[in-house]
Amino acid sequence: MLEKIFFQSSLPRAGSTLFQNLMGQNPDFYVTPTSGLMELIYGARKNFSEVPEYRTSMDKELMSKAFLAFCNGAIHSYADAITDKKYFLDKGRSWGFYFDWIEKFLPYPPKMICLVRDLRDIFTSMEKLYRKNPEIDNALVDWNTLRNSTITKRVDFFSNTPPVGIAMDRLESILQMGQGHKFLFIKYEDLCLRPDTEMARVYNYLELPFYNHNFDHIPQLTHEDDTLYAMTDHTIRNQLDLQVSDAETILGKGVCEWICQRYNWFFDYFKYNK
C-alpha cells in the first residue's frame, strides 16, 4: 500500500532517467518516466484561481482548504491506481519550483531530489543531440533567418528555451528564494564516481533504510516515446560510468567560458571548477 510520494525535479541531461531506474531496483519503489502528474494539478490550480465559482466565493479560506485537500487526494489516488508499492518517485522538472505549494497540501514534508551536472556538459549533450541524426531536419536551424546557425547561437538558444533555459531559471529562483536547503542536490559526477556515498545521502534524506543497489547493472524500467519531441533521448547506460568531458572539443573554449560567465551563480553554488 502506498505510503509516500517523493519527487525528482532535475536538470535536463543530468542523469535523471538513470537515477529513476537506479531507484527502481528497490522493490519498495515505483519509479515513473517523465510524468505529467504536475500538469494535472497545475491545470486544476489554474481553474481554481480563475473560474467565477471560486473567485466569487464568500468563504475563500474554506475553498482554499478544500482545494489543497483536492490536490493531496488527487496525486495520492493517481499513484495508488498505478502501483501498490510503498513509495512512488515521480519525475517531473517543474515540481521543484512549486515546492511551497506542495508543502501546503502534502500531509508529510516533501522530499525533492534534484540532479545537477556541469553545465558545459549539459549544453554539450544538447549539441550532440542536435548533431545525432543529420539526415533528419529537426527544425532547430533556419538558414533564411540564420537562426541557430552556429554553435554559439545554439547554446544561447538552449539557455533561453525549454528544457534547459526554463530549468535553469527555476533553479536560480529556488536558490534566490533561499529554498535550496529543502532539496537534496546530487551532482551527476559524484553519483558516478561515489555511488555508495551519494545513495546513502538519498536514503538519509528520504528517511528510509539503505538499499544495496547494483551500480554495474541497471536495467531500464522506464520507457518514453522519444519520437514525440525533437532532440530527446531517454535511453540509459546500464551502469554508472562517468565519461571524460569533451565540452571544449564539441563547443569550443570560448563557448565554454561564456557558459561559466552566464551561469556564474551555478558554478559557485555547486562548486564546479570554471
C-alpha atoms as a PDB file:
ATOM      1  CA  MET A   1       0.000   0.000   0.000  1.00  0.00           C
ATOM      2  CA  LEU A   2       1.261   3.446  -0.929  1.00  0.00           C
ATOM      3  CA  GLU A   3       2.850   5.309   1.979  1.00  0.00           C
ATOM      4  CA  LYS A   4       4.595   8.310   0.430  1.00  0.00           C
ATOM      5  CA  ILE A   5       5.171  10.137  -2.816  1.00  0.00           C
ATOM      6  CA  PHE A   6       8.650  11.511  -3.463  1.00  0.00           C
ATOM      7  CA  PHE A   7       9.661  13.909  -6.210  1.00  0.00           C
ATOM      8  CA  GLN A   8      12.554  14.171  -8.621  1.00  0.00           C
ATOM      9  CA  SER A   9      12.990  17.580 -10.261  1.00  0.00           C
ATOM     10  CA  SER A  10      16.358  17.560 -12.007  1.00  0.00           C
ATOM     11  CA  LEU A  11      18.158  19.456 -14.724  1.00  0.00           C
ATOM     12  CA  PRO A  12      17.853  18.015 -18.232  1.00  0.00           C
ATOM     13  CA  ARG A  13      20.728  15.812 -19.430  1.00  0.00           C
ATOM     14  CA  ALA A  14      21.869  15.350 -15.812  1.00  0.00           C
ATOM     15  CA  GLY A  15      21.125  11.660 -15.273  1.00  0.00           C
ATOM     16  CA  SER A  16      17.505  11.940 -14.152  1.00  0.00           C
ATOM     17  CA  THR A  17      16.353   8.903 -16.159  1.00  0.00           C
ATOM     18  CA  LEU A  18      19.336   6.902 -14.958  1.00  0.00           C
ATOM     19  CA  PHE A  19      18.541   7.823 -11.366  1.00  0.00           C
ATOM     20  CA  GLN A  20      14.911   6.729 -11.722  1.00  0.00           C
ATOM     21  CA  ASN A  21      15.977   3.340 -12.986  1.00  0.00           C
ATOM     22  CA  LEU A  22      18.595   3.026 -10.268  1.00  0.00           C
ATOM     23  CA  MET A  23      15.935   3.699  -7.614  1.00  0.00           C
ATOM     24  CA  GLY A  24      13.670   1.244  -9.367  1.00  0.00           C
ATOM     25  CA  GLN A  25      15.978  -1.564  -8.254  1.00  0.00           C
ATOM     26  CA  ASN A  26      14.500  -1.111  -4.795  1.00  0.00           C
ATOM     27  CA  PRO A  27      11.373  -3.330  -4.712  1.00  0.00           C
ATOM     28  CA  ASP A  28       9.585  -0.809  -2.468  1.00  0.00           C
ATOM     29  CA  PHE A  29       9.764   1.898  -5.147  1.00  0.00           C
ATOM     30  CA  TYR A  30       7.654   2.603  -8.194  1.00  0.00           C
ATOM     31  CA  VAL A  31       9.502   4.991 -10.498  1.00  0.00           C
ATOM     32  CA  THR A  32       7.981   6.992 -13.324  1.00  0.00           C
ATOM     33  CA  PRO A  33       9.340   8.170 -16.651  1.00  0.00           C
ATOM     34  CA  THR A  34       8.866  11.887 -17.293  1.00  0.00           C
ATOM     35  CA  SER A  35       5.479  12.396 -15.677  1.00  0.00           C
ATOM     36  CA  GLY A  36       2.502  14.621 -16.399  1.00  0.00           C
ATOM     37  CA  LEU A  37       1.177  14.453 -12.842  1.00  0.00           C
ATOM     38  CA  MET A  38       2.190  18.024 -12.022  1.00  0.00           C
ATOM     39  CA  GLU A  39       0.447  19.257 -15.156  1.00  0.00           C
ATOM     40  CA  LEU A  40      -2.821  17.685 -13.962  1.00  0.00           C
ATOM     41  CA  ILE A  41      -2.890  19.538 -10.663  1.00  0.00           C
ATOM     42  CA  TYR A  42      -1.373  22.646 -12.284  1.00  0.00           C
ATOM     43  CA  GLY A  43      -4.389  22.769 -14.591  1.00  0.00           C
ATOM     44  CA  ALA A  44      -6.669  22.378 -11.588  1.00  0.00           C
ATOM     45  CA  ARG A  45      -4.867  25.264  -9.854  1.00  0.00           C
ATOM     46  CA  LYS A  46      -5.428  27.476 -12.882  1.00  0.00           C
ATOM     47  CA  ASN A  47      -9.157  26.733 -12.804  1.00  0.00           C
ATOM     48  CA  PHE A  48      -9.325  27.243  -9.054  1.00  0.00           C
ATOM     49  CA  SER A  49      -7.647  30.635  -9.498  1.00  0.00           C
ATOM     50  CA  GLU A  50      -9.759  31.813 -12.427  1.00  0.00           C
ATOM     51  CA  VAL A  51     -13.251  30.320 -12.596  1.00  0.00           C
ATOM     52  CA  PRO A  52     -16.015  32.595 -11.260  1.00  0.00           C
ATOM     53  CA  GLU A  53     -17.443  29.955  -8.935  1.00  0.00           C
ATOM     54  CA  TYR A  54     -14.296  30.140  -6.791  1.00  0.00           C
ATOM     55  CA  ARG A  55     -13.367  33.784  -7.346  1.00  0.00           C
ATOM     56  CA  THR A  56     -16.770  34.904  -6.075  1.00  0.00           C
ATOM     57  CA  SER A  57     -16.868  32.546  -3.103  1.00  0.00           C
ATOM     58  CA  MET A  58     -17.573  34.309   0.186  1.00  0.00           C
ATOM     59  CA  ASP A  59     -15.555  31.766   2.133  1.00  0.00           C
ATOM     60  CA  LYS A  60     -12.208  31.822   0.365  1.00  0.00           C
ATOM     61  CA  GLU A  61     -10.376  30.267   3.308  1.00  0.00           C
ATOM     62  CA  LEU A  62     -12.648  27.224   3.246  1.00  0.00           C
ATOM     63  CA  MET A  63     -12.364  26.905  -0.535  1.00  0.00           C
ATOM     64  CA  SER A  64      -8.560  27.129  -0.303  1.00  0.00           C
ATOM     65  CA  LYS A  65      -8.543  24.393   2.327  1.00  0.00           C
ATOM     66  CA  ALA A  66     -10.780  22.250   0.118  1.00  0.00           C
ATOM     67  CA  PHE A  67      -8.612  22.785  -2.939  1.00  0.00           C
ATOM     68  CA  LEU A  68      -5.435  21.820  -1.105  1.00  0.00           C
ATOM     69  CA  ALA A  69      -7.180  18.653   0.111  1.00  0.00           C
ATOM     70  CA  PHE A  70      -8.185  18.014  -3.514  1.00  0.00           C
ATOM     71  CA  CYS A  71      -4.541  18.281  -4.637  1.00  0.00           C
ATOM     72  CA  ASN A  72      -3.378  15.886  -1.949  1.00  0.00           C
ATOM     73  CA  GLY A  73      -6.108  13.375  -2.725  1.00  0.00           C
ATOM     74  CA  ALA A  74      -5.547  13.683  -6.464  1.00  0.00           C
ATOM     75  CA  ILE A  75      -1.849  12.843  -6.515  1.00  0.00           C
ATOM     76  CA  HIS A  76      -2.172  10.031  -3.970  1.00  0.00           C
ATOM     77  CA  SER A  77      -5.149   8.494  -5.772  1.00  0.00           C
ATOM     78  CA  TYR A  78      -3.225   8.775  -9.035  1.00  0.00           C
ATOM     79  CA  ALA A  79      -0.238   6.929  -7.576  1.00  0.00           C
ATOM     80  CA  ASP A  80      -2.451   4.386  -5.789  1.00  0.00           C
ATOM     81  CA  ALA A  81      -4.124   3.468  -9.067  1.00  0.00           C
ATOM     82  CA  ILE A  82      -0.750   2.796 -10.685  1.00  0.00           C
ATOM     83  CA  THR A  83       1.043   0.750  -8.026  1.00  0.00           C
ATOM     84  CA  ASP A  84       0.667  -0.994  -4.699  1.00  0.00           C
ATOM     85  CA  LYS A  85       4.303  -0.375  -3.769  1.00  0.00           C
ATOM     86  CA  LYS A  86       5.161   1.677  -0.689  1.00  0.00           C
ATOM     87  CA  TYR A  87       6.879   4.574  -2.405  1.00  0.00           C
ATOM     88  CA  PHE A  88       6.153   6.464  -5.600  1.00  0.00           C
ATOM     89  CA  LEU A  89       9.005   8.503  -7.110  1.00  0.00           C
ATOM     90  CA  ASP A  90       7.589  10.953  -9.621  1.00  0.00           C
ATOM     91  CA  LYS A  91       9.925  12.568 -12.139  1.00  0.00           C
ATOM     92  CA  GLY A  92       8.852  15.999 -13.336  1.00  0.00           C
ATOM     93  CA  ARG A  93      11.011  19.060 -13.983  1.00  0.00           C
ATOM     94  CA  SER A  94       8.514  21.571 -12.591  1.00  0.00           C
ATOM     95  CA  TRP A  95       7.979  20.014  -9.142  1.00  0.00           C
ATOM     96  CA  GLY A  96      10.881  21.910  -7.596  1.00  0.00           C
ATOM     97  CA  PHE A  97       9.614  25.381  -8.472  1.00  0.00           C
ATOM     98  CA  TYR A  98       6.282  24.629  -6.773  1.00  0.00           C
ATOM     99  CA  PHE A  99       7.771  23.276  -3.555  1.00  0.00           C
ATOM    100  CA  ASP A 100       5.861  25.806  -1.389  1.00  0.00           C
ATOM    101  CA  TRP A 101       2.548  24.752  -2.911  1.00  0.00           C
ATOM    102  CA  ILE A 102       3.296  21.049  -2.428  1.00  0.00           C
ATOM    103  CA  GLU A 103       4.346  21.763   1.139  1.00  0.00           C
ATOM    104  CA  LYS A 104       0.904  23.248   1.818  1.00  0.00           C
ATOM    105  CA  PHE A 105      -1.099  20.203   0.759  1.00  0.00           C
ATOM    106  CA  LEU A 106       1.152  17.198   1.346  1.00  0.00           C
ATOM    107  CA  PRO A 107       0.473  15.611   4.777  1.00  0.00           C
ATOM    108  CA  TYR A 108       4.193  14.958   5.317  1.00  0.00           C
ATOM    109  CA  PRO A 109       7.312  17.028   4.488  1.00  0.00           C
ATOM    110  CA  PRO A 110       8.012  16.967   0.721  1.00  0.00           C
ATOM    111  CA  LYS A 111      11.206  15.287  -0.370  1.00  0.00           C
ATOM    112  CA  MET A 112      12.628  16.753  -3.571  1.00  0.00           C
ATOM    113  CA  ILE A 113      15.678  15.273  -5.308  1.00  0.00           C
ATOM    114  CA  CYS A 114      17.482  17.339  -7.938  1.00  0.00           C
ATOM    115  CA  LEU A 115      20.363  16.082 -10.046  1.00  0.00           C
ATOM    116  CA  VAL A 116      22.700  18.712 -11.432  1.00  0.00           C
ATOM    117  CA  ARG A 117      25.666  18.462 -13.767  1.00  0.00           C
ATOM    118  CA  ASP A 118      28.461  20.654 -15.077  1.00  0.00           C
ATOM    119  CA  LEU A 119      26.541  22.961 -17.407  1.00  0.00           C
ATOM    120  CA  ARG A 120      29.227  22.733 -20.059  1.00  0.00           C
ATOM    121  CA  ASP A 121      28.443  19.034 -20.329  1.00  0.00           C
ATOM    122  CA  ILE A 122      24.680  19.647 -20.340  1.00  0.00           C
ATOM    123  CA  PHE A 123      24.998  22.046 -23.275  1.00  0.00           C
ATOM    124  CA  THR A 124      27.406  19.636 -24.950  1.00  0.00           C
ATOM    125  CA  SER A 125      24.802  16.886 -24.642  1.00  0.00           C
ATOM    126  CA  MET A 126      22.200  19.151 -26.238  1.00  0.00           C
ATOM    127  CA  GLU A 127      24.556  19.959 -29.108  1.00  0.00           C
ATOM    128  CA  LYS A 128      25.266  16.245 -29.600  1.00  0.00           C
ATOM    129  CA  LEU A 129      21.537  15.554 -29.799  1.00  0.00           C
ATOM    130  CA  TYR A 130      21.286  18.227 -32.480  1.00  0.00           C
ATOM    131  CA  ARG A 131      24.050  16.535 -34.469  1.00  0.00           C
ATOM    132  CA  LYS A 132      22.889  12.973 -33.811  1.00  0.00           C
ATOM    133  CA  ASN A 133      20.680  12.436 -36.862  1.00  0.00           C
ATOM    134  CA  PRO A 134      21.857  14.815 -39.596  1.00  0.00           C
ATOM    135  CA  GLU A 135      19.612  13.147 -42.158  1.00  0.00           C
ATOM    136  CA  ILE A 136      16.563  14.484 -40.275  1.00  0.00           C
ATOM    137  CA  ASP A 137      15.606  18.169 -40.213  1.00  0.00           C
ATOM    138  CA  ASN A 138      14.795  18.908 -36.570  1.00  0.00           C
ATOM    139  CA  ALA A 139      13.816  22.493 -37.460  1.00  0.00           C
ATOM    140  CA  LEU A 140      16.311  23.974 -34.998  1.00  0.00           C
ATOM    141  CA  VAL A 141      18.292  25.824 -37.676  1.00  0.00           C
ATOM    142  CA  ASP A 142      16.692  28.245 -40.132  1.00  0.00           C
ATOM    143  CA  TRP A 143      19.143  29.366 -42.811  1.00  0.00           C
ATOM    144  CA  ASN A 144      16.766  32.027 -44.151  1.00  0.00           C
ATOM    145  CA  THR A 145      16.979  33.953 -40.893  1.00  0.00           C
ATOM    146  CA  LEU A 146      20.315  32.458 -39.740  1.00  0.00           C
ATOM    147  CA  ARG A 147      18.562  31.261 -36.595  1.00  0.00           C
ATOM    148  CA  ASN A 148      20.750  28.883 -34.544  1.00  0.00           C
ATOM    149  CA  SER A 149      23.193  28.577 -37.438  1.00  0.00           C
ATOM    150  CA  THR A 150      26.295  28.362 -35.213  1.00  0.00           C
ATOM    151  CA  ILE A 151      27.262  26.566 -32.010  1.00  0.00           C
ATOM    152  CA  THR A 152      27.309  29.909 -30.199  1.00  0.00           C
ATOM    153  CA  LYS A 153      23.774  30.705 -31.335  1.00  0.00           C
ATOM    154  CA  ARG A 154      22.517  27.230 -30.467  1.00  0.00           C
ATOM    155  CA  VAL A 155      23.938  27.340 -26.942  1.00  0.00           C
ATOM    156  CA  ASP A 156      22.347  30.761 -26.465  1.00  0.00           C
ATOM    157  CA  PHE A 157      19.063  29.331 -27.771  1.00  0.00           C
ATOM    158  CA  PHE A 158      19.260  26.351 -25.400  1.00  0.00           C
ATOM    159  CA  SER A 159      19.883  28.733 -22.495  1.00  0.00           C
ATOM    160  CA  ASN A 160      16.717  30.704 -23.236  1.00  0.00           C
ATOM    161  CA  THR A 161      14.218  27.975 -24.095  1.00  0.00           C
ATOM    162  CA  PRO A 162      12.931  24.693 -22.627  1.00  0.00           C
ATOM    163  CA  PRO A 163      14.146  22.327 -21.473  1.00  0.00           C
ATOM    164  CA  VAL A 164      17.468  23.838 -20.327  1.00  0.00           C
ATOM    165  CA  GLY A 165      16.528  27.512 -20.104  1.00  0.00           C
ATOM    166  CA  ILE A 166      13.371  27.054 -18.065  1.00  0.00           C
ATOM    167  CA  ALA A 167      15.078  24.539 -15.763  1.00  0.00           C
ATOM    168  CA  MET A 168      17.903  26.981 -15.070  1.00  0.00           C
ATOM    169  CA  ASP A 169      15.524  29.870 -14.388  1.00  0.00           C
ATOM    170  CA  ARG A 170      13.556  27.731 -11.953  1.00  0.00           C
ATOM    171  CA  LEU A 171      16.708  26.547 -10.196  1.00  0.00           C
ATOM    172  CA  GLU A 172      18.048  30.086  -9.914  1.00  0.00           C
ATOM    173  CA  SER A 173      14.730  31.246  -8.469  1.00  0.00           C
ATOM    174  CA  ILE A 174      14.738  28.400  -5.917  1.00  0.00           C
ATOM    175  CA  LEU A 175      18.204  29.369  -4.729  1.00  0.00           C
ATOM    176  CA  GLN A 176      17.437  33.110  -4.729  1.00  0.00           C
ATOM    177  CA  MET A 177      14.417  32.471  -2.501  1.00  0.00           C
ATOM    178  CA  GLY A 178      16.626  30.580  -0.037  1.00  0.00           C
ATOM    179  CA  GLN A 179      14.903  27.223  -0.554  1.00  0.00           C
ATOM    180  CA  GLY A 180      17.940  25.205  -1.554  1.00  0.00           C
ATOM    181  CA  HIS A 181      18.254  23.628   1.897  1.00  0.00           C
ATOM    182  CA  LYS A 182      14.921  21.852   1.391  1.00  0.00           C
ATOM    183  CA  PHE A 183      16.226  19.908  -1.610  1.00  0.00           C
ATOM    184  CA  LEU A 184      18.661  17.062  -1.949  1.00  0.00           C
ATOM    185  CA  PHE A 185      21.040  18.136  -4.706  1.00  0.00           C
ATOM    186  CA  ILE A 186      23.121  15.375  -6.262  1.00  0.00           C
ATOM    187  CA  LYS A 187      25.940  16.134  -8.648  1.00  0.00           C
ATOM    188  CA  TYR A 188      25.804  13.654 -11.507  1.00  0.00           C
ATOM    189  CA  GLU A 189      29.574  13.410 -11.413  1.00  0.00           C
ATOM    190  CA  ASP A 190      29.544  12.430  -7.723  1.00  0.00           C
ATOM    191  CA  LEU A 191      26.836   9.837  -8.326  1.00  0.00           C
ATOM    192  CA  CYS A 192      29.006   8.177 -10.971  1.00  0.00           C
ATOM    193  CA  LEU A 193      32.261   8.373  -9.005  1.00  0.00           C
ATOM    194  CA  ARG A 194      30.978   7.711  -5.467  1.00  0.00           C
ATOM    195  CA  PRO A 195      27.626   5.955  -5.859  1.00  0.00           C
ATOM    196  CA  ASP A 196      27.566   4.348  -2.403  1.00  0.00           C
ATOM    197  CA  THR A 197      28.138   7.693  -0.711  1.00  0.00           C
ATOM    198  CA  GLU A 198      25.550   9.506  -2.798  1.00  0.00           C
ATOM    199  CA  MET A 199      22.911   6.797  -2.405  1.00  0.00           C
ATOM    200  CA  ALA A 200      23.480   6.829   1.360  1.00  0.00           C
ATOM    201  CA  ARG A 201      22.671  10.556   1.191  1.00  0.00           C
ATOM    202  CA  VAL A 202      19.498   9.755  -0.753  1.00  0.00           C
ATOM    203  CA  TYR A 203      18.182   7.284   1.809  1.00  0.00           C
ATOM    204  CA  ASN A 204      19.160   9.507   4.700  1.00  0.00           C
ATOM    205  CA  TYR A 205      17.254  12.393   3.098  1.00  0.00           C
ATOM    206  CA  LEU A 206      14.211  10.207   2.389  1.00  0.00           C
ATOM    207  CA  GLU A 207      14.427   8.806   5.934  1.00  0.00           C
ATOM    208  CA  LEU A 208      14.358   5.226   4.688  1.00  0.00           C
ATOM    209  CA  PRO A 209      16.548   2.157   5.305  1.00  0.00           C
ATOM    210  CA  PHE A 210      19.514   1.902   2.939  1.00  0.00           C
ATOM    211  CA  TYR A 211      19.135  -0.445  -0.017  1.00  0.00           C
ATOM    212  CA  ASN A 212      22.149  -2.081  -1.674  1.00  0.00           C
ATOM    213  CA  HIS A 213      21.970  -1.144  -5.341  1.00  0.00           C
ATOM    214  CA  ASN A 214      23.776  -2.774  -8.240  1.00  0.00           C
ATOM    215  CA  PHE A 215      25.673   0.038  -9.938  1.00  0.00           C
ATOM    216  CA  ASP A 216      27.142  -2.211 -12.627  1.00  0.00           C
ATOM    217  CA  HIS A 217      23.846  -3.472 -13.996  1.00  0.00           C
ATOM    218  CA  ILE A 218      20.921  -1.046 -14.129  1.00  0.00           C
ATOM    219  CA  PRO A 219      18.043  -2.444 -16.221  1.00  0.00           C
ATOM    220  CA  GLN A 220      15.897   0.178 -17.926  1.00  0.00           C
ATOM    221  CA  LEU A 221      12.449   0.063 -16.312  1.00  0.00           C
ATOM    222  CA  THR A 222      11.120   3.392 -17.605  1.00  0.00           C
ATOM    223  CA  HIS A 223      10.441   3.972 -21.280  1.00  0.00           C
ATOM    224  CA  GLU A 224       9.428   7.064 -23.232  1.00  0.00           C
ATOM    225  CA  ASP A 225       8.488   7.698 -26.861  1.00  0.00           C
ATOM    226  CA  ASP A 226      11.327   9.975 -27.910  1.00  0.00           C
ATOM    227  CA  THR A 227       9.840  10.393 -31.385  1.00  0.00           C
ATOM    228  CA  LEU A 228       7.260  12.804 -29.980  1.00  0.00           C
ATOM    229  CA  TYR A 229       9.840  15.505 -29.289  1.00  0.00           C
ATOM    230  CA  ALA A 230      12.888  16.661 -31.192  1.00  0.00           C
ATOM    231  CA  MET A 231      16.296  16.224 -29.578  1.00  0.00           C
ATOM    232  CA  THR A 232      15.391  13.899 -26.736  1.00  0.00           C
ATOM    233  CA  ASP A 233      16.916  10.581 -25.748  1.00  0.00           C
ATOM    234  CA  HIS A 234      15.881   8.711 -22.603  1.00  0.00           C
ATOM    235  CA  THR A 235      17.896   5.573 -23.251  1.00  0.00           C
ATOM    236  CA  ILE A 236      20.258   4.984 -20.345  1.00  0.00           C
ATOM    237  CA  ARG A 237      23.676   3.465 -19.989  1.00  0.00           C
ATOM    238  CA  ASN A 238      23.188   0.376 -17.871  1.00  0.00           C
ATOM    239  CA  GLN A 239      25.959   1.193 -15.417  1.00  0.00           C
ATOM    240  CA  LEU A 240      27.310   4.217 -13.597  1.00  0.00           C
ATOM    241  CA  ASP A 241      30.240   5.348 -15.679  1.00  0.00           C
ATOM    242  CA  LEU A 242      31.438   8.962 -15.831  1.00  0.00           C
ATOM    243  CA  GLN A 243      32.586   9.822 -19.320  1.00  0.00           C
ATOM    244  CA  VAL A 244      35.517  12.197 -19.809  1.00  0.00           C
ATOM    245  CA  SER A 245      34.168  15.670 -20.607  1.00  0.00           C
ATOM    246  CA  ASP A 246      34.508  16.686 -24.254  1.00  0.00           C
ATOM    247  CA  ALA A 247      32.838  20.073 -23.822  1.00  0.00           C
ATOM    248  CA  GLU A 248      35.748  22.103 -25.195  1.00  0.00           C
ATOM    249  CA  THR A 249      36.085  19.753 -28.172  1.00  0.00           C
ATOM    250  CA  ILE A 250      32.392  19.961 -29.054  1.00  0.00           C
ATOM    251  CA  LEU A 251      31.570  23.547 -28.079  1.00  0.00           C
ATOM    252  CA  GLY A 252      34.933  25.261 -28.170  1.00  0.00           C
ATOM    253  CA  LYS A 253      36.803  27.026 -25.385  1.00  0.00           C
ATOM    254  CA  GLY A 254      35.128  30.389 -25.960  1.00  0.00           C
ATOM    255  CA  VAL A 255      31.601  28.996 -25.660  1.00  0.00           C
ATOM    256  CA  CYS A 256      32.569  27.067 -22.527  1.00  0.00           C
ATOM    257  CA  GLU A 257      33.886  30.273 -20.986  1.00  0.00           C
ATOM    258  CA  TRP A 258      30.655  32.050 -21.921  1.00  0.00           C
ATOM    259  CA  ILE A 259      28.635  29.333 -20.138  1.00  0.00           C
ATOM    260  CA  CYS A 260      30.728  29.792 -16.983  1.00  0.00           C
ATOM    261  CA  GLN A 261      30.205  33.561 -17.080  1.00  0.00           C
ATOM    262  CA  ARG A 262      26.495  33.357 -17.897  1.00  0.00           C
ATOM    263  CA  TYR A 263      25.846  30.924 -15.046  1.00  0.00           C
ATOM    264  CA  ASN A 264      28.451  32.086 -12.576  1.00  0.00           C
ATOM    265  CA  TRP A 265      25.943  31.622  -9.714  1.00  0.00           C
ATOM    266  CA  PHE A 266      25.530  27.931 -10.624  1.00  0.00           C
ATOM    267  CA  PHE A 267      29.241  27.160 -10.744  1.00  0.00           C
ATOM    268  CA  ASP A 268      29.761  28.932  -7.418  1.00  0.00           C
ATOM    269  CA  TYR A 269      26.827  27.324  -5.597  1.00  0.00           C
ATOM    270  CA  PHE A 270      27.613  23.772  -6.689  1.00  0.00           C
ATOM    271  CA  LYS A 271      31.388  24.277  -6.564  1.00  0.00           C
ATOM    272  CA  TYR A 272      32.198  23.354 -10.141  1.00  0.00           C
ATOM    273  CA  ASN A 273      35.591  24.444 -11.419  1.00  0.00           C
ATOM    274  CA  LYS A 274      35.401  27.206 -14.004  1.00  0.00           C
END
